[in-house]
C-alpha atoms as a PDB file:
ATOM      1  CA  MET A   1      16.390  -5.471 -26.806  1.00  0.00           C
ATOM      2  CA  LEU A   2      14.906  -5.986 -23.247  1.00  0.00           C
ATOM      3  CA  ARG A   3      11.390  -5.744 -22.970  1.00  0.00           C
ATOM      4  CA  PHE A   4      10.337  -4.527 -19.484  1.00  0.00           C
ATOM      5  CA  LYS A   5       7.849  -7.265 -18.166  1.00  0.00           C
ATOM      6  CA  GLN A   6       6.691  -8.924 -15.253  1.00  0.00           C
ATOM      7  CA  PHE A   7       9.887  -9.229 -13.123  1.00  0.00           C
ATOM      8  CA  LEU A   8      10.689  -5.602 -13.593  1.00  0.00           C
ATOM      9  CA  ILE A   9       7.324  -4.500 -12.370  1.00  0.00           C
ATOM     10  CA  GLU A  10       6.736  -6.829  -9.395  1.00  0.00           C
ATOM     11  CA  TYR A  11      10.397  -7.134  -8.202  1.00  0.00           C
ATOM     12  CA  ALA A  12      13.038  -4.483  -8.339  1.00  0.00           C
ATOM     13  CA  LEU A  13      15.868  -6.932  -9.304  1.00  0.00           C
ATOM     14  CA  GLN A  14      19.312  -5.731  -9.034  1.00  0.00           C
ATOM     15  CA  SER A  15      22.172  -6.770 -11.428  1.00  0.00           C
ATOM     16  CA  PRO A  16      23.302 -10.058  -9.557  1.00  0.00           C
ATOM     17  CA  ALA A  17      19.729 -11.235  -9.244  1.00  0.00           C
ATOM     18  CA  ASP A  18      19.193 -10.318 -12.966  1.00  0.00           C
ATOM     19  CA  LYS A  19      22.206 -12.403 -13.910  1.00  0.00           C
ATOM     20  CA  ALA A  20      21.045 -15.357 -11.680  1.00  0.00           C
ATOM     21  CA  ARG A  21      17.697 -15.071 -13.494  1.00  0.00           C
ATOM     22  CA  ARG A  22      19.388 -15.308 -16.889  1.00  0.00           C
ATOM     23  CA  ARG A  23      21.377 -18.291 -15.692  1.00  0.00           C
ATOM     24  CA  GLN A  24      18.210 -19.870 -14.644  1.00  0.00           C
ATOM     25  CA  GLN A  25      16.553 -19.348 -17.899  1.00  0.00           C
ATOM     26  CA  ASP A  26      19.578 -20.678 -19.924  1.00  0.00           C
ATOM     27  CA  LYS A  27      19.429 -23.758 -17.779  1.00  0.00           C
ATOM     28  CA  ILE A  28      15.706 -24.330 -18.517  1.00  0.00           C
ATOM     29  CA  ALA A  29      16.120 -23.731 -22.232  1.00  0.00           C
ATOM     30  CA  ARG A  30      19.036 -26.333 -22.364  1.00  0.00           C
ATOM     31  CA  GLU A  31      17.067 -28.961 -20.462  1.00  0.00           C
ATOM     32  CA  ALA A  32      13.559 -28.301 -21.895  1.00  0.00           C
ATOM     33  CA  PRO A  33      12.565 -30.173 -25.206  1.00  0.00           C
ATOM     34  CA  LEU A  34      10.437 -27.150 -26.320  1.00  0.00           C
ATOM     35  CA  ASP A  35       8.982 -29.182 -29.024  1.00  0.00           C
ATOM     36  CA  PHE A  36       7.318 -31.618 -26.582  1.00  0.00           C
ATOM     37  CA  THR A  37       3.541 -31.739 -27.110  1.00  0.00           C
ATOM     38  CA  THR A  38       2.326 -33.760 -24.072  1.00  0.00           C
ATOM     39  CA  ILE A  39      -0.151 -31.926 -21.627  1.00  0.00           C
ATOM     40  CA  ALA A  40       1.339 -31.862 -18.276  1.00  0.00           C
ATOM     41  CA  PHE A  41      -1.945 -32.544 -16.328  1.00  0.00           C
ATOM     42  CA  GLU A  42      -5.469 -31.396 -16.442  1.00  0.00           C
ATOM     43  CA  ILE A  43      -7.629 -31.626 -13.362  1.00  0.00           C
ATOM     44  CA  PRO A  44     -10.355 -34.344 -14.082  1.00  0.00           C
ATOM     45  CA  GLN A  45     -13.864 -32.769 -14.571  1.00  0.00           C
ATOM     46  CA  PRO A  46     -16.562 -33.897 -12.102  1.00  0.00           C
ATOM     47  CA  LYS A  47     -18.798 -36.482 -13.736  1.00  0.00           C
ATOM     48  CA  THR A  48     -22.277 -35.324 -14.524  1.00  0.00           C
ATOM     49  CA  ASP A  49     -24.924 -36.586 -12.023  1.00  0.00           C
ATOM     50  CA  GLU A  50     -27.194 -38.356 -14.474  1.00  0.00           C
ATOM     51  CA  ASN A  51     -29.911 -38.089 -11.656  1.00  0.00           C
ATOM     52  CA  LYS A  52     -30.125 -34.265 -11.973  1.00  0.00           C
ATOM     53  CA  THR A  53     -33.327 -32.862 -13.343  1.00  0.00           C
ATOM     54  CA  GLU A  54     -33.266 -30.403 -16.267  1.00  0.00           C
ATOM     55  CA  GLU A  55     -34.292 -27.668 -13.653  1.00  0.00           C
ATOM     56  CA  GLN A  56     -31.225 -28.435 -11.374  1.00  0.00           C
ATOM     57  CA  ILE A  57     -28.907 -28.251 -14.327  1.00  0.00           C
ATOM     58  CA  LYS A  58     -30.493 -25.084 -15.351  1.00  0.00           C
ATOM     59  CA  ALA A  59     -30.347 -23.674 -11.846  1.00  0.00           C
ATOM     60  CA  GLU A  60     -26.595 -24.601 -11.575  1.00  0.00           C
ATOM     61  CA  LYS A  61     -25.860 -22.834 -14.844  1.00  0.00           C
ATOM     62  CA  LEU A  62     -27.588 -19.718 -13.741  1.00  0.00           C
ATOM     63  CA  GLU A  63     -25.578 -19.697 -10.415  1.00  0.00           C
ATOM     64  CA  ILE A  64     -22.388 -19.819 -12.342  1.00  0.00           C
ATOM     65  CA  GLU A  65     -23.430 -16.831 -14.503  1.00  0.00           C
ATOM     66  CA  ARG A  66     -24.590 -15.101 -11.618  1.00  0.00           C
ATOM     67  CA  LYS A  67     -21.207 -15.356  -9.748  1.00  0.00           C
ATOM     68  CA  ALA A  68     -19.400 -14.445 -12.938  1.00  0.00           C
ATOM     69  CA  GLN A  69     -21.609 -11.363 -13.279  1.00  0.00           C
ATOM     70  CA  GLU A  70     -21.028 -10.476  -9.593  1.00  0.00           C
ATOM     71  CA  LYS A  71     -17.169 -10.831 -10.095  1.00  0.00           C
ATOM     72  CA  ARG A  72     -17.358  -8.548 -13.398  1.00  0.00           C
ATOM     73  CA  THR A  73     -19.334  -5.890 -11.499  1.00  0.00           C
ATOM     74  CA  ARG A  74     -16.845  -5.817  -8.706  1.00  0.00           C
ATOM     75  CA  ASP A  75     -13.980  -5.414 -11.236  1.00  0.00           C
ATOM     76  CA  LEU A  76     -15.936  -2.431 -12.959  1.00  0.00           C
ATOM     77  CA  ASP A  77     -16.728  -0.695  -9.703  1.00  0.00           C
ATOM     78  CA  GLU A  78     -13.116  -1.041  -8.353  1.00  0.00           C
ATOM     79  CA  TYR A  79     -10.931  -0.877 -11.310  1.00  0.00           C
ATOM     80  CA  GLY A  80     -13.097   0.272 -14.188  1.00  0.00           C
ATOM     81  CA  VAL A  81     -12.400  -2.541 -16.244  1.00  0.00           C
ATOM     82  CA  ASP A  82     -13.972  -5.768 -17.420  1.00  0.00           C
ATOM     83  CA  LEU A  83     -11.347  -8.335 -16.711  1.00  0.00           C
ATOM     84  CA  GLU A  84     -12.590 -10.791 -19.479  1.00  0.00           C
ATOM     85  CA  GLU A  85     -12.431  -8.094 -22.097  1.00  0.00           C
ATOM     86  CA  LEU A  86      -8.976  -7.191 -20.836  1.00  0.00           C
ATOM     87  CA  LYS A  87      -7.784 -10.785 -21.020  1.00  0.00           C
ATOM     88  CA  ARG A  88      -8.977 -10.983 -24.547  1.00  0.00           C
ATOM     89  CA  GLU A  89      -6.818  -7.644 -25.401  1.00  0.00           C
ATOM     90  CA  ILE A  90      -3.886  -9.243 -24.019  1.00  0.00           C
ATOM     91  CA  LYS A  91      -4.237 -12.676 -25.692  1.00  0.00           C
ATOM     92  CA  GLU A  92      -4.805 -10.884 -29.003  1.00  0.00           C
ATOM     93  CA  ARG A  93      -1.502  -8.842 -28.507  1.00  0.00           C
ATOM     94  CA  GLU A  94       0.506 -11.483 -26.870  1.00  0.00           C
ATOM     95  CA  SER A  95      -0.373 -14.802 -28.560  1.00  0.00           C
ATOM     96  CA  LYS A  96      -2.335 -14.341 -31.773  1.00  0.00           C
ATOM     97  CA  GLY A  97      -0.966 -16.882 -34.336  1.00  0.00           C
ATOM     98  CA  ASN A  98       0.993 -18.648 -31.693  1.00  0.00           C
ATOM     99  CA  GLU A  99      -1.613 -20.284 -29.745  1.00  0.00           C
ATOM    100  CA  LYS A 100       0.020 -23.725 -29.780  1.00  0.00           C
ATOM    101  CA  LYS A 101       3.508 -22.570 -29.009  1.00  0.00           C
ATOM    102  CA  VAL A 102       2.483 -20.586 -26.010  1.00  0.00           C
ATOM    103  CA  THR A 103       1.077 -23.693 -24.061  1.00  0.00           C
ATOM    104  CA  GLY A 104       4.753 -24.355 -22.986  1.00  0.00           C
ATOM    105  CA  VAL A 105       7.993 -22.700 -22.424  1.00  0.00           C
ATOM    106  CA  TYR A 106       9.223 -20.583 -25.394  1.00  0.00           C
ATOM    107  CA  ALA A 107      11.552 -17.921 -26.119  1.00  0.00           C
ATOM    108  CA  ASP A 108       9.963 -14.597 -26.953  1.00  0.00           C
ATOM    109  CA  PRO A 109      11.490 -12.193 -29.552  1.00  0.00           C
ATOM    110  CA  ASP A 110      13.975 -10.975 -27.150  1.00  0.00           C
ATOM    111  CA  THR A 111      15.042 -14.436 -26.317  1.00  0.00           C
ATOM    112  CA  LEU A 112      13.511 -14.192 -22.719  1.00  0.00           C
ATOM    113  CA  LEU A 113      11.813 -17.478 -21.775  1.00  0.00           C
ATOM    114  CA  THR A 114       8.059 -17.195 -21.429  1.00  0.00           C
ATOM    115  CA  LEU A 115       5.140 -19.287 -20.674  1.00  0.00           C
ATOM    116  CA  GLY A 116       1.475 -18.790 -21.608  1.00  0.00           C
ATOM    117  CA  HIS A 117       0.064 -15.305 -22.603  1.00  0.00           C
ATOM    118  CA  GLY A 118       3.219 -13.331 -21.833  1.00  0.00           C
ATOM    119  CA  HIS A 119       4.292 -14.590 -18.308  1.00  0.00           C
ATOM    120  CA  LEU A 120       8.095 -14.143 -18.334  1.00  0.00           C
ATOM    121  CA  ILE A 121       9.901 -16.851 -16.435  1.00  0.00           C
ATOM    122  CA  PHE A 122      11.855 -15.665 -13.338  1.00  0.00           C
ATOM    123  CA  ASP A 123      12.940 -16.830 -10.019  1.00  0.00           C
ATOM    124  CA  GLN A 124       9.427 -16.416  -8.598  1.00  0.00           C
ATOM    125  CA  THR A 125       7.553 -18.462 -11.278  1.00  0.00           C
ATOM    126  CA  PRO A 126       7.449 -21.687  -9.470  1.00  0.00           C
ATOM    127  CA  LYS A 127       5.964 -20.015  -6.386  1.00  0.00           C
ATOM    128  CA  ILE A 128       3.422 -18.305  -8.571  1.00  0.00           C
ATOM    129  CA  MET A 129       2.608 -21.549 -10.456  1.00  0.00           C
ATOM    130  CA  GLY A 130       2.175 -23.229  -7.032  1.00  0.00           C
ATOM    131  CA  GLU A 131      -0.442 -20.784  -6.102  1.00  0.00           C
ATOM    132  CA  VAL A 132      -2.214 -20.694  -9.416  1.00  0.00           C
ATOM    133  CA  PHE A 133      -2.097 -24.640  -9.759  1.00  0.00           C
ATOM    134  CA  ALA A 134      -2.489 -25.728  -6.452  1.00  0.00           C
ATOM    135  CA  GLU A 135      -5.204 -28.344  -7.275  1.00  0.00           C
ATOM    136  CA  GLU A 136      -3.046 -29.752  -9.993  1.00  0.00           C
ATOM    137  CA  ILE A 137      -0.044 -30.064  -7.624  1.00  0.00           C
ATOM    138  CA  LYS A 138      -2.251 -31.861  -5.065  1.00  0.00           C
ATOM    139  CA  LEU A 139      -2.768 -34.601  -7.832  1.00  0.00           C
ATOM    140  CA  LYS A 140       0.587 -34.448  -9.415  1.00  0.00           C
ATOM    141  CA  PRO A 141       3.198 -32.998  -7.174  1.00  0.00           C
ATOM    142  CA  ASP A 142       5.759 -32.665 -10.137  1.00  0.00           C
ATOM    143  CA  PHE A 143       3.404 -30.547 -11.993  1.00  0.00           C
ATOM    144  CA  VAL A 144       5.521 -27.328 -11.953  1.00  0.00           C
ATOM    145  CA  ASP A 145       8.804 -29.096 -12.980  1.00  0.00           C
ATOM    146  CA  LEU A 146       7.097 -30.948 -15.876  1.00  0.00           C
ATOM    147  CA  VAL A 147       6.127 -27.519 -17.306  1.00  0.00           C
ATOM    148  CA  LEU A 148       9.212 -25.589 -16.734  1.00  0.00           C
ATOM    149  CA  LYS A 149      11.914 -28.282 -16.989  1.00  0.00           C
ATOM    150  CA  GLN A 150      10.619 -31.099 -19.023  1.00  0.00           C
ATOM    151  CA  GLY A 151       8.729 -29.192 -21.912  1.00  0.00           C
ATOM    152  CA  TYR A 152       5.177 -30.305 -21.076  1.00  0.00           C
ATOM    153  CA  ARG A 153       2.273 -28.153 -21.846  1.00  0.00           C
ATOM    154  CA  LEU A 154      -0.586 -26.344 -20.223  1.00  0.00           C
ATOM    155  CA  THR A 155      -4.160 -26.479 -21.220  1.00  0.00           C
ATOM    156  CA  GLU A 156      -5.950 -23.472 -22.457  1.00  0.00           C
ATOM    157  CA  SER A 157      -7.858 -23.368 -19.179  1.00  0.00           C
ATOM    158  CA  GLN A 158      -4.627 -23.375 -17.318  1.00  0.00           C
ATOM    159  CA  MET A 159      -3.033 -20.486 -19.434  1.00  0.00           C
ATOM    160  CA  ASP A 160      -6.234 -18.565 -18.761  1.00  0.00           C
ATOM    161  CA  ARG A 161      -5.908 -18.881 -14.899  1.00  0.00           C
ATOM    162  CA  LEU A 162      -2.154 -17.998 -14.999  1.00  0.00           C
ATOM    163  CA  LEU A 163      -3.034 -14.740 -17.230  1.00  0.00           C
ATOM    164  CA  GLU A 164      -5.730 -13.940 -14.790  1.00  0.00           C
ATOM    165  CA  ARG A 165      -3.350 -14.083 -11.862  1.00  0.00           C
ATOM    166  CA  ASP A 166      -0.913 -11.949 -13.813  1.00  0.00           C
ATOM    167  CA  VAL A 167      -3.473  -9.261 -14.924  1.00  0.00           C
ATOM    168  CA  ARG A 168      -4.955  -8.966 -11.322  1.00  0.00           C
ATOM    169  CA  SER A 169      -1.454  -8.593  -9.899  1.00  0.00           C
ATOM    170  CA  ARG A 170      -1.065  -5.407 -12.154  1.00  0.00           C
ATOM    171  CA  LEU A 171      -4.598  -3.664 -11.582  1.00  0.00           C
ATOM    172  CA  ASP A 172      -3.838  -2.107  -8.134  1.00  0.00           C
ATOM    173  CA  PRO A 173      -0.417  -0.885  -9.214  1.00  0.00           C
ATOM    174  CA  MET A 174      -1.811   0.615 -12.377  1.00  0.00           C
ATOM    175  CA  THR A 175      -4.807   2.292 -11.043  1.00  0.00           C
ATOM    176  CA  GLN A 176      -3.181   3.678  -8.127  1.00  0.00           C
ATOM    177  CA  THR A 177      -0.359   4.913 -10.178  1.00  0.00           C
ATOM    178  CA  ILE A 178      -2.594   6.541 -13.064  1.00  0.00           C
ATOM    179  CA  SER A 179      -4.970   8.868 -11.337  1.00  0.00           C
ATOM    180  CA  ARG A 180      -8.606   8.816 -12.680  1.00  0.00           C
ATOM    181  CA  PHE A 181      -7.871   5.636 -14.780  1.00  0.00           C
ATOM    182  CA  LYS A 182     -11.489   4.608 -14.334  1.00  0.00           C
ATOM    183  CA  GLU A 183     -12.692   7.789 -16.112  1.00  0.00           C
ATOM    184  CA  TYR A 184     -10.707   7.081 -19.421  1.00  0.00           C
ATOM    185  CA  ASP A 185     -12.434   5.879 -22.526  1.00  0.00           C
ATOM    186  CA  PRO A 186     -12.804   2.100 -22.760  1.00  0.00           C
ATOM    187  CA  GLU A 187     -10.332   2.052 -25.722  1.00  0.00           C
ATOM    188  CA  VAL A 188      -7.678   3.886 -23.698  1.00  0.00           C
ATOM    189  CA  LYS A 189      -8.092   1.638 -20.550  1.00  0.00           C
ATOM    190  CA  GLY A 190      -7.650  -1.492 -22.764  1.00  0.00           C
ATOM    191  CA  ALA A 191      -4.628  -0.340 -24.723  1.00  0.00           C
ATOM    192  CA  MET A 192      -3.015   1.213 -21.443  1.00  0.00           C
ATOM    193  CA  SER A 193      -3.546  -2.015 -19.500  1.00  0.00           C
ATOM    194  CA  SER A 194      -1.992  -4.042 -22.294  1.00  0.00           C
ATOM    195  CA  GLU A 195       1.121  -1.870 -22.239  1.00  0.00           C
ATOM    196  CA  TRP A 196       1.197  -1.957 -18.359  1.00  0.00           C
ATOM    197  CA  TYR A 197       1.168  -5.621 -18.699  1.00  0.00           C
ATOM    198  CA  ARG A 198       3.917  -5.712 -21.253  1.00  0.00           C
ATOM    199  CA  GLY A 199       5.752  -3.584 -18.882  1.00  0.00           C
ATOM    200  CA  LEU A 200       6.927  -0.626 -20.657  1.00  0.00           C
ATOM    201  CA  LEU A 201       4.217   1.924 -19.403  1.00  0.00           C
ATOM    202  CA  PRO A 202       5.172   1.667 -15.686  1.00  0.00           C
ATOM    203  CA  GLN A 203       8.691   2.378 -16.550  1.00  0.00           C
ATOM    204  CA  SER A 204       7.788   5.526 -18.489  1.00  0.00           C
ATOM    205  CA  LYS A 205       7.531   8.049 -15.524  1.00  0.00           C
ATOM    206  CA  LYS A 206       7.353  11.167 -17.808  1.00  0.00           C
ATOM    207  CA  THR A 207       4.531   9.631 -19.761  1.00  0.00           C
ATOM    208  CA  ILE A 208       2.694   8.773 -16.385  1.00  0.00           C
ATOM    209  CA  ARG A 209       3.130  12.465 -15.227  1.00  0.00           C
ATOM    210  CA  LEU A 210       1.748  13.735 -18.495  1.00  0.00           C
ATOM    211  CA  LEU A 211      -1.208  11.424 -18.076  1.00  0.00           C
ATOM    212  CA  ASN A 212      -1.950  12.511 -14.582  1.00  0.00           C
ATOM    213  CA  ALA A 213      -1.906  16.110 -15.614  1.00  0.00           C
ATOM    214  CA  GLY A 214      -4.510  15.364 -18.288  1.00  0.00           C
ATOM    215  CA  LYS A 215      -2.015  16.166 -21.020  1.00  0.00           C
ATOM    216  CA  PHE A 216      -2.958  13.091 -23.299  1.00  0.00           C
ATOM    217  CA  ALA A 217      -1.537  14.187 -26.704  1.00  0.00           C
ATOM    218  CA  GLU A 218       1.729  15.140 -25.076  1.00  0.00           C
ATOM    219  CA  ALA A 219       1.785  11.781 -23.183  1.00  0.00           C
ATOM    220  CA  ALA A 220       1.113   9.908 -26.484  1.00  0.00           C
ATOM    221  CA  GLU A 221       4.183  11.654 -28.196  1.00  0.00           C
ATOM    222  CA  GLU A 222       6.532  11.126 -25.064  1.00  0.00           C
ATOM    223  CA  TYR A 223       5.547   7.337 -24.993  1.00  0.00           C
ATOM    224  CA  LYS A 224       6.788   6.928 -28.731  1.00  0.00           C
ATOM    225  CA  LYS A 225      10.324   8.058 -27.588  1.00  0.00           C
ATOM    226  CA  SER A 226      11.023   4.643 -26.127  1.00  0.00           C
ATOM    227  CA  ARG A 227      13.520   2.604 -27.835  1.00  0.00           C
ATOM    228  CA  ASP A 228      10.805  -0.118 -27.940  1.00  0.00           C
ATOM    229  CA  TYR A 229       9.479   2.026 -30.544  1.00  0.00           C
ATOM    230  CA  THR A 230      12.366   3.622 -32.316  1.00  0.00           C
ATOM    231  CA  GLY A 231      14.957   0.842 -32.088  1.00  0.00           C
ATOM    232  CA  PHE A 232      18.394   1.260 -30.730  1.00  0.00           C
ATOM    233  CA  THR A 233      22.191   0.869 -31.513  1.00  0.00           C
ATOM    234  CA  ASP A 234      23.974  -1.444 -29.260  1.00  0.00           C
ATOM    235  CA  ALA A 235      27.553  -1.106 -27.976  1.00  0.00           C
ATOM    236  CA  ASN A 236      28.849  -2.785 -31.085  1.00  0.00           C
ATOM    237  CA  GLY A 237      27.275  -0.053 -33.354  1.00  0.00           C
ATOM    238  CA  LYS A 238      24.657  -2.574 -34.557  1.00  0.00           C
ATOM    239  CA  PHE A 239      21.173  -1.107 -35.076  1.00  0.00           C
ATOM    240  CA  ASN A 240      18.383  -3.132 -33.563  1.00  0.00           C
ATOM    241  CA  PRO A 241      15.087  -2.285 -35.114  1.00  0.00           C
ATOM    242  CA  PRO A 242      11.927  -2.471 -33.023  1.00  0.00           C
ATOM    243  CA  LEU A 243       9.609  -5.469 -33.097  1.00  0.00           C
ATOM    244  CA  PRO A 244       6.590  -4.971 -35.266  1.00  0.00           C
ATOM    245  CA  GLY A 245       4.175  -6.400 -32.864  1.00  0.00           C
ATOM    246  CA  VAL A 246       5.595  -3.937 -30.084  1.00  0.00           C
ATOM    247  CA  VAL A 247       5.251  -1.006 -32.334  1.00  0.00           C
ATOM    248  CA  ALA A 248       1.651  -1.886 -33.080  1.00  0.00           C
ATOM    249  CA  ARG A 249       0.798  -2.132 -29.548  1.00  0.00           C
ATOM    250  CA  ILE A 250       2.475   1.244 -28.819  1.00  0.00           C
ATOM    251  CA  ASP A 251       0.682   2.864 -31.806  1.00  0.00           C
ATOM    252  CA  HIS A 252      -2.636   1.501 -30.467  1.00  0.00           C
ATOM    253  CA  LEU A 253      -2.208   3.295 -27.191  1.00  0.00           C
ATOM    254  CA  VAL A 254      -0.912   6.365 -28.874  1.00  0.00           C
ATOM    255  CA  GLN A 255      -3.828   6.730 -31.242  1.00  0.00           C
ATOM    256  CA  ALA A 256      -6.314   5.971 -28.389  1.00  0.00           C
ATOM    257  CA  LEU A 257      -4.627   8.672 -26.248  1.00  0.00           C
ATOM    258  CA  LYS A 258      -4.970  11.188 -28.958  1.00  0.00           C
ATOM    259  CA  LYS A 259      -8.640  10.570 -29.165  1.00  0.00           C
ATOM    260  CA  GLN A 260      -9.207  10.763 -25.484  1.00  0.00           C
ATOM    261  CA  LYS A 261     -11.372  13.830 -24.557  1.00  0.00           C
ATOM    262  CA  PRO A 262     -10.397  15.939 -21.584  1.00  0.00           C
ATOM    263  CA  LEU A 263     -11.760  14.600 -18.256  1.00  0.00           C
ATOM    264  CA  PRO A 264     -14.269  16.871 -16.507  1.00  0.00           C
ATOM    265  CA  VAL A 265     -12.995  18.998 -13.672  1.00  0.00           C
ATOM    266  CA  PRO A 266     -13.685  17.083 -10.613  1.00  0.00           C
ATOM    267  CA  LYS A 267     -16.218  18.481  -8.266  1.00  0.00           C
ATOM    268  CA  ILE A 268     -14.563  19.887  -5.075  1.00  0.00           C
ATOM    269  CA  PRO A 269     -16.971  19.473  -2.102  1.00  0.00           C
ATOM    270  CA  ALA A 270     -17.716  22.642  -0.310  1.00  0.00           C
ATOM    271  CA  THR A 271     -15.850  23.221   2.717  1.00  0.00           C
ATOM    272  CA  PRO A 272     -18.271  23.269   5.688  1.00  0.00           C
ATOM    273  CA  PRO A 273     -18.223  26.636   7.710  1.00  0.00           C
ATOM    274  CA  ILE A 274     -16.153  26.400  10.839  1.00  0.00           C
ATOM    275  CA  ALA A 275     -18.188  26.490  13.856  1.00  0.00           C
ATOM    276  CA  VAL A 276     -16.822  29.558  15.775  1.00  0.00           C
ATOM    277  CA  PRO A 277     -17.231  28.916  19.625  1.00  0.00           C
ATOM    278  CA  GLN A 278     -19.405  31.487  21.366  1.00  0.00           C
ATOM    279  CA  ASP A 279     -18.236  33.427  24.282  1.00  0.00           C
ATOM    280  CA  GLU A 280     -21.158  33.833  26.548  1.00  0.00           C
ATOM    281  CA  GLU A 281     -19.547  36.861  28.401  1.00  0.00           C
ATOM    282  CA  ASP A 282     -18.943  38.668  25.094  1.00  0.00           C
ATOM    283  CA  ILE A 283     -22.245  38.054  23.685  1.00  0.00           C
ATOM    284  CA  ASN A 284     -23.961  39.476  26.868  1.00  0.00           C
ATOM    285  CA  LYS A 285     -22.025  42.641  26.730  1.00  0.00           C
END
């Protein structure tokens, strides 16, 4: 069963490109020793300056916390979500119980090769990794090949950076497509973001139309009609049951939507009166 994930959201691949991606994945799978446990490379941490006073160290920590809070505030203002909380939600859904496996290339339940917390490997992955891991590549030019083709592993920090890039790349499309997203309950926003990240929600156009019409219960029922939730029968007549983890994620969004209260009617600003030009000649008559 094909899970609609990153490549279907970011790139409208046609059949030839889809086949090329599949061949590339098969090649990586044949070449990569997936049980290899060596970390590809970790940026050396700067040495602590032993001459720093406790006040200086404390001031630096406060500055780091201040910048993190500024970033959090910007995200809340612009998107209505706390990115750190959203990342925790996705890690819980994508990787719980498989924290070690996901540090390298692995096949997800649909046999699609994946890296980290749900990053599907496709033709743009080397470019994306080049952007995310620019510092690593400066010090180790073959960093991307080590991970994608030789089975080396990412660190937890590196996986987190890749996840942040993938999540941020979806915030604009999601919040622009789902009107009034910022006004939803926090549980709905978390579950919705998780399903948008997984990739099914942006494909469910009718669900989105119902959401934008404020029909949350109807949207919840529509979303359950997906074969990701019901399973499907393939061309050979074999029934493919849904994946339990996927069903749980869909159920989470469905239940959250059913609890979502109607949004308040938006206030329509009063139309200012039209200034009618005066005709001096008429006025004086």
